[in-house]
């Protein structure tokens, strides 16, 4: 899914040399996400020829709908005060 794909891990778990073609790498350092490799420049977000993958917008919408539906089934979406329950369910 998506035009850009990244691995996210702690430093040293995955290195730039481990990456498949077209993938980027983000590290979590002291609770913050740091760009390590493959982060597109501002102009690349809109230029389609520079994107390493072709997004499937329908699949992305289906995935989002599925996640929201699971939240609704669990009663998390009934009111805004239940937003903290999302972490409880690991969603």
Protein backbone atom coordinates (compact mmCIF):
# COMPACT_ATOMS: atom_id res chain seq x y z
CA UNK A 1 0.00 0.00 0.00
CA UNK A 2 1.10 3.54 -0.62
CA UNK A 3 3.53 5.21 -2.99
CA UNK A 4 6.28 5.18 -0.34
CA UNK A 5 7.17 2.28 1.94
CA UNK A 6 9.34 2.31 5.02
CA UNK A 7 10.69 0.00 7.65
CA UNK A 8 10.42 1.39 11.19
CA UNK A 9 12.64 -0.01 13.93
CA UNK A 10 15.14 0.82 16.62
CA UNK A 11 18.67 1.67 15.43
CA UNK A 12 20.72 -1.31 14.31
CA UNK A 13 17.86 -3.78 13.84
CA UNK A 14 17.73 -3.00 10.11
CA UNK A 15 20.46 -1.15 8.24
CA UNK A 16 20.37 0.68 4.91
CA UNK A 17 22.22 -2.27 3.35
CA UNK A 18 19.35 -4.59 4.37
CA UNK A 19 16.69 -2.61 2.49
CA UNK A 20 14.96 -3.93 -0.63
CA UNK A 21 14.98 -1.61 -3.65
CA UNK A 22 12.69 1.38 -3.26
CA UNK A 23 12.20 1.04 0.51
CA UNK A 24 13.06 3.65 3.11
CA UNK A 25 14.20 3.35 6.70
CA UNK A 26 13.00 5.16 9.81
CA UNK A 27 14.48 4.71 13.29
CA UNK A 28 12.77 5.27 16.63
CA UNK A 29 15.25 7.12 18.83
CA UNK A 30 14.20 8.31 22.30
CA UNK A 31 10.54 7.93 21.37
CA UNK A 32 10.85 9.98 18.18
CA UNK A 33 10.90 8.87 14.56
CA UNK A 34 14.04 9.83 12.63
CA UNK A 35 14.44 9.72 8.85
CA UNK A 36 17.42 7.53 7.97
CA UNK A 37 17.10 6.63 4.29
CA UNK A 38 14.74 6.99 1.36
CA UNK A 39 12.66 9.90 2.59
CA UNK A 40 11.34 11.69 -0.52
CA UNK A 41 12.04 15.36 -1.07
CA UNK A 42 9.12 17.79 -1.19
CA UNK A 43 8.80 17.67 -4.99
CA UNK A 44 8.77 13.85 -5.07
CA UNK A 45 5.49 13.56 -3.15
CA UNK A 46 3.57 14.79 -6.20
CA UNK A 47 5.75 13.68 -9.13
CA UNK A 48 4.49 10.23 -10.10
CA UNK A 49 7.60 9.10 -11.99
CA UNK A 50 9.74 9.43 -8.84
CA UNK A 51 7.56 7.14 -6.74
CA UNK A 52 8.98 3.64 -6.28
CA UNK A 53 5.58 1.95 -5.83
CA UNK A 54 2.11 2.38 -7.33
CA UNK A 55 -0.49 2.88 -4.64
CA UNK A 56 -3.73 0.93 -4.65
CA UNK A 57 -6.13 3.58 -3.37
CA UNK A 58 -9.07 1.15 -3.20
CA UNK A 59 -7.10 -1.29 -1.02
CA UNK A 60 -6.01 1.58 1.23
CA UNK A 61 -9.62 2.72 1.66
CA UNK A 62 -10.73 -0.86 2.33
CA UNK A 63 -8.01 -1.24 4.97
CA UNK A 64 -9.02 2.00 6.68
CA UNK A 65 -12.70 1.09 6.56
CA UNK A 66 -11.93 -2.31 8.10
CA UNK A 67 -9.97 -0.72 10.96
CA UNK A 68 -12.73 1.81 11.63
CA UNK A 69 -15.37 -0.91 11.49
CA UNK A 70 -13.48 -2.94 14.13
CA UNK A 71 -13.36 0.13 16.36
CA UNK A 72 -17.11 0.59 15.93
CA UNK A 73 -17.81 -3.06 16.76
CA UNK A 74 -15.85 -2.66 19.99
CA UNK A 75 -17.81 0.48 20.85
CA UNK A 76 -14.82 2.80 20.65
CA UNK A 77 -16.46 5.17 18.15
CA UNK A 78 -19.67 5.72 20.10
CA UNK A 79 -18.36 8.98 21.53
CA UNK A 80 -15.17 10.99 21.43
CA UNK A 81 -14.40 10.28 25.10
CA UNK A 82 -13.58 6.67 24.20
CA UNK A 83 -10.58 7.57 22.05
CA UNK A 84 -8.16 6.38 24.74
CA UNK A 85 -9.64 2.88 24.40
CA UNK A 86 -7.97 2.57 20.99
CA UNK A 87 -4.62 1.91 22.68
CA UNK A 88 -6.24 -0.66 24.98
CA UNK A 89 -7.31 -2.70 21.97
CA UNK A 90 -3.99 -2.24 20.20
CA UNK A 91 -5.59 -0.61 17.17
